Amino acid sequence: MANDKDTRRKPDEGPGLEEARLRQQAIGVKLRRMFDDVVNEPVPDEFLEILKRADSKSGGGA
């Protein structure tokens, strides 16, 4: 009787690998779009004010 492991496809063989790569690529594209949307959002004025206050308390110089 064959073991389940004997009949499974190895990760580096056949069309399964290409399908996995395409899936990973699609996920990457969606994540980049989502991340780009977040990065391009404007910084809220309240947050900018908090940063200004923090800079002034720490000396403000670089």
PDB file of N, CA and C in Angstrom:
ATOM      1  N   MET A   1       0.848  -1.183   0.000  1.00  0.00           N
ATOM      2  CA  MET A   1       0.000   0.000   0.000  1.00  0.00           C
ATOM      3  C   MET A   1       0.891   1.243   0.000  1.00  0.00           C
ATOM      4  N   ALA A   2       0.607   2.145  -0.903  1.00  0.00           N
ATOM      5  CA  ALA A   2       1.431   3.344  -1.052  1.00  0.00           C
ATOM      6  C   ALA A   2       1.108   4.357   0.033  1.00  0.00           C
ATOM      7  N   ASN A   3       2.143   5.005   0.476  1.00  0.00           N
ATOM      8  CA  ASN A   3       2.002   6.063   1.466  1.00  0.00           C
ATOM      9  C   ASN A   3       1.548   7.337   0.761  1.00  0.00           C
ATOM     10  N   ASP A   4       0.766   8.198   1.428  1.00  0.00           N
ATOM     11  CA  ASP A   4       0.320   9.460   0.834  1.00  0.00           C
ATOM     12  C   ASP A   4       1.492  10.301   0.380  1.00  0.00           C
ATOM     13  N   LYS A   5       2.567  10.289   1.130  1.00  0.00           N
ATOM     14  CA  LYS A   5       3.737  11.088   0.791  1.00  0.00           C
ATOM     15  C   LYS A   5       4.348  10.640  -0.529  1.00  0.00           C
ATOM     16  N   ASP A   6       4.226   9.363  -0.855  1.00  0.00           N
ATOM     17  CA  ASP A   6       4.801   8.830  -2.093  1.00  0.00           C
ATOM     18  C   ASP A   6       4.067   9.335  -3.330  1.00  0.00           C
ATOM     19  N   THR A   7       2.780   9.632  -3.204  1.00  0.00           N
ATOM     20  CA  THR A   7       1.983  10.036  -4.365  1.00  0.00           C
ATOM     21  C   THR A   7       1.875  11.549  -4.509  1.00  0.00           C
ATOM     22  N   ARG A   8       2.331  12.293  -3.531  1.00  0.00           N
ATOM     23  CA  ARG A   8       2.258  13.755  -3.615  1.00  0.00           C
ATOM     24  C   ARG A   8       3.317  14.292  -4.557  1.00  0.00           C
ATOM     25  N   ARG A   9       2.991  15.385  -5.208  1.00  0.00           N
ATOM     26  CA  ARG A   9       3.913  16.052  -6.114  1.00  0.00           C
ATOM     27  C   ARG A   9       4.913  16.854  -5.304  1.00  0.00           C
ATOM     28  N   LYS A  10       6.167  16.798  -5.694  1.00  0.00           N
ATOM     29  CA  LYS A  10       7.191  17.588  -5.033  1.00  0.00           C
ATOM     30  C   LYS A  10       6.962  19.055  -5.394  1.00  0.00           C
ATOM     31  N   PRO A  11       7.307  19.983  -4.491  1.00  0.00           N
ATOM     32  CA  PRO A  11       7.060  21.408  -4.747  1.00  0.00           C
ATOM     33  C   PRO A  11       7.758  21.944  -5.987  1.00  0.00           C
ATOM     34  N   ASP A  12       8.858  21.338  -6.402  1.00  0.00           N
ATOM     35  CA  ASP A  12       9.605  21.857  -7.544  1.00  0.00           C
ATOM     36  C   ASP A  12       9.296  21.124  -8.843  1.00  0.00           C
ATOM     37  N   GLU A  13       8.158  20.435  -8.890  1.00  0.00           N
ATOM     38  CA  GLU A  13       7.816  19.684 -10.087  1.00  0.00           C
ATOM     39  C   GLU A  13       6.458  20.103 -10.646  1.00  0.00           C
ATOM     40  N   GLY A  14       6.352  20.088 -11.967  1.00  0.00           N
ATOM     41  CA  GLY A  14       5.083  20.202 -12.652  1.00  0.00           C
ATOM     42  C   GLY A  14       4.407  21.554 -12.598  1.00  0.00           C
ATOM     43  N   PRO A  15       3.157  21.597 -13.058  1.00  0.00           N
ATOM     44  CA  PRO A  15       2.413  22.851 -13.164  1.00  0.00           C
ATOM     45  C   PRO A  15       2.054  23.460 -11.811  1.00  0.00           C
ATOM     46  N   GLY A  16       2.115  22.698 -10.760  1.00  0.00           N
ATOM     47  CA  GLY A  16       1.800  23.231  -9.437  1.00  0.00           C
ATOM     48  C   GLY A  16       2.722  24.371  -9.045  1.00  0.00           C
ATOM     49  N   LEU A  17       3.985  24.278  -9.414  1.00  0.00           N
ATOM     50  CA  LEU A  17       4.948  25.326  -9.096  1.00  0.00           C
ATOM     51  C   LEU A  17       4.606  26.609  -9.837  1.00  0.00           C
ATOM     52  N   GLU A  18       4.276  26.502 -11.101  1.00  0.00           N
ATOM     53  CA  GLU A  18       3.919  27.683 -11.899  1.00  0.00           C
ATOM     54  C   GLU A  18       2.650  28.333 -11.342  1.00  0.00           C
ATOM     55  N   GLU A  19       1.702  27.518 -10.954  1.00  0.00           N
ATOM     56  CA  GLU A  19       0.459  28.041 -10.372  1.00  0.00           C
ATOM     57  C   GLU A  19       0.745  28.777  -9.064  1.00  0.00           C
ATOM     58  N   ALA A  20       1.616  28.220  -8.245  1.00  0.00           N
ATOM     59  CA  ALA A  20       1.972  28.862  -6.978  1.00  0.00           C
ATOM     60  C   ALA A  20       2.679  30.188  -7.230  1.00  0.00           C
ATOM     61  N   ARG A  21       3.556  30.225  -8.215  1.00  0.00           N
ATOM     62  CA  ARG A  21       4.260  31.464  -8.546  1.00  0.00           C
ATOM     63  C   ARG A  21       3.290  32.534  -9.023  1.00  0.00           C
ATOM     64  N   LEU A  22       2.341  32.154  -9.849  1.00  0.00           N
ATOM     65  CA  LEU A  22       1.349  33.110 -10.342  1.00  0.00           C
ATOM     66  C   LEU A  22       0.494  33.639  -9.190  1.00  0.00           C
ATOM     67  N   ARG A  23       0.140  32.758  -8.273  1.00  0.00           N
ATOM     68  CA  ARG A  23      -0.645  33.162  -7.117  1.00  0.00           C
ATOM     69  C   ARG A  23       0.147  34.146  -6.255  1.00  0.00           C
ATOM     70  N   GLN A  24       1.424  33.839  -6.023  1.00  0.00           N
ATOM     71  CA  GLN A  24       2.262  34.733  -5.234  1.00  0.00           C
ATOM     72  C   GLN A  24       2.421  36.084  -5.919  1.00  0.00           C
ATOM     73  N   GLN A  25       2.580  36.069  -7.235  1.00  0.00           N
ATOM     74  CA  GLN A  25       2.726  37.310  -7.984  1.00  0.00           C
ATOM     75  C   GLN A  25       1.458  38.158  -7.864  1.00  0.00           C
ATOM     76  N   ALA A  26       0.303  37.530  -7.973  1.00  0.00           N
ATOM     77  CA  ALA A  26      -0.965  38.255  -7.859  1.00  0.00           C
ATOM     78  C   ALA A  26      -1.123  38.852  -6.468  1.00  0.00           C
ATOM     79  N   ILE A  27      -0.740  38.097  -5.443  1.00  0.00           N
ATOM     80  CA  ILE A  27      -0.814  38.607  -4.074  1.00  0.00           C
ATOM     81  C   ILE A  27       0.120  39.802  -3.917  1.00  0.00           C
ATOM     82  N   GLY A  28       1.324  39.695  -4.472  1.00  0.00           N
ATOM     83  CA  GLY A  28       2.294  40.791  -4.396  1.00  0.00           C
ATOM     84  C   GLY A  28       1.778  42.059  -5.051  1.00  0.00           C
ATOM     85  N   VAL A  29       1.143  41.911  -6.211  1.00  0.00           N
ATOM     86  CA  VAL A  29       0.593  43.077  -6.917  1.00  0.00           C
ATOM     87  C   VAL A  29      -0.485  43.741  -6.060  1.00  0.00           C
ATOM     88  N   LYS A  30      -1.355  42.951  -5.481  1.00  0.00           N
ATOM     89  CA  LYS A  30      -2.434  43.513  -4.656  1.00  0.00           C
ATOM     90  C   LYS A  30      -1.879  44.194  -3.403  1.00  0.00           C
ATOM     91  N   LEU A  31      -0.873  43.579  -2.789  1.00  0.00           N
ATOM     92  CA  LEU A  31      -0.271  44.191  -1.597  1.00  0.00           C
ATOM     93  C   LEU A  31       0.414  45.508  -1.940  1.00  0.00           C
ATOM     94  N   ARG A  32       1.116  45.557  -3.075  1.00  0.00           N
ATOM     95  CA  ARG A  32       1.770  46.803  -3.481  1.00  0.00           C
ATOM     96  C   ARG A  32       0.750  47.903  -3.723  1.00  0.00           C
ATOM     97  N   ARG A  33      -0.361  47.569  -4.381  1.00  0.00           N
ATOM     98  CA  ARG A  33      -1.410  48.567  -4.620  1.00  0.00           C
ATOM     99  C   ARG A  33      -1.963  49.095  -3.303  1.00  0.00           C
ATOM    100  N   MET A  34      -2.231  48.169  -2.388  1.00  0.00           N
ATOM    101  CA  MET A  34      -2.787  48.557  -1.102  1.00  0.00           C
ATOM    102  C   MET A  34      -1.777  49.416  -0.336  1.00  0.00           C
ATOM    103  N   PHE A  35      -0.524  49.015  -0.328  1.00  0.00           N
ATOM    104  CA  PHE A  35       0.505  49.759   0.388  1.00  0.00           C
ATOM    105  C   PHE A  35       0.707  51.134  -0.240  1.00  0.00           C
ATOM    106  N   ASP A  36       0.714  51.194  -1.567  1.00  0.00           N
ATOM    107  CA  ASP A  36       0.866  52.486  -2.247  1.00  0.00           C
ATOM    108  C   ASP A  36      -0.263  53.440  -1.875  1.00  0.00           C
ATOM    109  N   ASP A  37      -1.477  52.922  -1.766  1.00  0.00           N
ATOM    110  CA  ASP A  37      -2.608  53.766  -1.363  1.00  0.00           C
ATOM    111  C   ASP A  37      -2.378  54.356   0.021  1.00  0.00           C
ATOM    112  N   VAL A  38      -1.890  53.544   0.940  1.00  0.00           N
ATOM    113  CA  VAL A  38      -1.651  54.007   2.308  1.00  0.00           C
ATOM    114  C   VAL A  38      -0.518  55.028   2.329  1.00  0.00           C
ATOM    115  N   VAL A  39       0.570  54.740   1.610  1.00  0.00           N
ATOM    116  CA  VAL A  39       1.726  55.641   1.587  1.00  0.00           C
ATOM    117  C   VAL A  39       1.353  56.996   1.001  1.00  0.00           C
ATOM    118  N   ASN A  40       0.473  57.017   0.034  1.00  0.00           N
ATOM    119  CA  ASN A  40       0.112  58.260  -0.643  1.00  0.00           C
ATOM    120  C   ASN A  40      -0.979  59.062   0.069  1.00  0.00           C
ATOM    121  N   GLU A  41      -1.501  58.527   1.175  1.00  0.00           N
ATOM    122  CA  GLU A  41      -2.496  59.280   1.931  1.00  0.00           C
ATOM    123  C   GLU A  41      -1.822  60.465   2.600  1.00  0.00           C
ATOM    124  N   PRO A  42      -2.507  61.593   2.690  1.00  0.00           N
ATOM    125  CA  PRO A  42      -1.920  62.746   3.370  1.00  0.00           C
ATOM    126  C   PRO A  42      -1.815  62.488   4.876  1.00  0.00           C
ATOM    127  N   VAL A  43      -0.808  63.101   5.494  1.00  0.00           N
ATOM    128  CA  VAL A  43      -0.640  62.990   6.940  1.00  0.00           C
ATOM    129  C   VAL A  43      -1.639  63.935   7.608  1.00  0.00           C
ATOM    130  N   PRO A  44      -2.417  63.430   8.547  1.00  0.00           N
ATOM    131  CA  PRO A  44      -3.400  64.286   9.221  1.00  0.00           C
ATOM    132  C   PRO A  44      -2.722  65.461   9.935  1.00  0.00           C
ATOM    133  N   ASP A  45      -3.376  66.621   9.918  1.00  0.00           N
ATOM    134  CA  ASP A  45      -2.849  67.825  10.562  1.00  0.00           C
ATOM    135  C   ASP A  45      -2.557  67.597  12.041  1.00  0.00           C
ATOM    136  N   GLU A  46      -3.435  66.844  12.725  1.00  0.00           N
ATOM    137  CA  GLU A  46      -3.228  66.576  14.151  1.00  0.00           C
ATOM    138  C   GLU A  46      -1.910  65.842  14.384  1.00  0.00           C
ATOM    139  N   PHE A  47      -1.599  64.910  13.509  1.00  0.00           N
ATOM    140  CA  PHE A  47      -0.361  64.153  13.652  1.00  0.00           C
ATOM    141  C   PHE A  47       0.852  65.036  13.382  1.00  0.00           C
ATOM    142  N   LEU A  48       0.745  65.908  12.384  1.00  0.00           N
ATOM    143  CA  LEU A  48       1.837  66.839  12.097  1.00  0.00           C
ATOM    144  C   LEU A  48       2.088  67.751  13.294  1.00  0.00           C
ATOM    145  N   GLU A  49       1.024  68.185  13.955  1.00  0.00           N
ATOM    146  CA  GLU A  49       1.156  69.041  15.131  1.00  0.00           C
ATOM    147  C   GLU A  49       1.856  68.294  16.271  1.00  0.00           C
ATOM    148  N   ILE A  50       1.506  67.045  16.462  1.00  0.00           N
ATOM    149  CA  ILE A  50       2.157  66.226  17.491  1.00  0.00           C
ATOM    150  C   ILE A  50       3.654  66.101  17.190  1.00  0.00           C
ATOM    151  N   LEU A  51       3.998  65.889  15.939  1.00  0.00           N
ATOM    152  CA  LEU A  51       5.407  65.778  15.555  1.00  0.00           C
ATOM    153  C   LEU A  51       6.152  67.089  15.792  1.00  0.00           C
ATOM    154  N   LYS A  52       5.518  68.209  15.477  1.00  0.00           N
ATOM    155  CA  LYS A  52       6.144  69.521  15.703  1.00  0.00           C
ATOM    156  C   LYS A  52       6.410  69.744  17.188  1.00  0.00           C
ATOM    157  N   ARG A  53       5.431  69.396  18.023  1.00  0.00           N
ATOM    158  CA  ARG A  53       5.612  69.555  19.470  1.00  0.00           C
ATOM    159  C   ARG A  53       6.736  68.654  19.988  1.00  0.00           C
ATOM    160  N   ALA A  54       6.799  67.440  19.489  1.00  0.00           N
ATOM    161  CA  ALA A  54       7.853  66.514  19.906  1.00  0.00           C
ATOM    162  C   ALA A  54       9.218  67.031  19.494  1.00  0.00           C
ATOM    163  N   ASP A  55       9.320  67.589  18.299  1.00  0.00           N
ATOM    164  CA  ASP A  55      10.593  68.153  17.830  1.00  0.00           C
ATOM    165  C   ASP A  55      11.022  69.333  18.690  1.00  0.00           C
ATOM    166  N   SER A  56      10.077  70.190  19.045  1.00  0.00           N
ATOM    167  CA  SER A  56      10.428  71.377  19.825  1.00  0.00           C
ATOM    168  C   SER A  56      10.870  70.983  21.243  1.00  0.00           C
ATOM    169  N   LYS A  57      10.296  69.929  21.792  1.00  0.00           N
ATOM    170  CA  LYS A  57      10.673  69.461  23.142  1.00  0.00           C
ATOM    171  C   LYS A  57      12.050  68.811  23.140  1.00  0.00           C
ATOM    172  N   SER A  58      12.424  68.175  22.025  1.00  0.00           N
ATOM    173  CA  SER A  58      13.708  67.469  21.971  1.00  0.00           C
ATOM    174  C   SER A  58      14.834  68.351  21.454  1.00  0.00           C
ATOM    175  N   GLY A  59      14.586  69.590  21.219  1.00  0.00           N
ATOM    176  CA  GLY A  59      15.619  70.496  20.759  1.00  0.00           C
ATOM    177  C   GLY A  59      15.439  70.899  19.316  1.00  0.00           C
ATOM    178  N   GLY A  60      14.693  70.108  18.560  1.00  0.00           N
ATOM    179  CA  GLY A  60      14.368  70.459  17.183  1.00  0.00           C
ATOM    180  C   GLY A  60      15.499  70.376  16.189  1.00  0.00           C
ATOM    181  N   GLY A  61      16.717  70.219  16.614  1.00  0.00           N
ATOM    182  CA  GLY A  61      17.842  70.169  15.677  1.00  0.00           C
ATOM    183  C   GLY A  61      18.206  68.756  15.293  1.00  0.00           C
ATOM    184  N   ALA A  62      18.804  68.628  14.109  1.00  0.00           N
ATOM    185  CA  ALA A  62      19.172  67.288  13.660  1.00  0.00           C
ATOM    186  C   ALA A  62      20.650  67.051  13.854  1.00  0.00           C
TER     187      ALA A  62
END
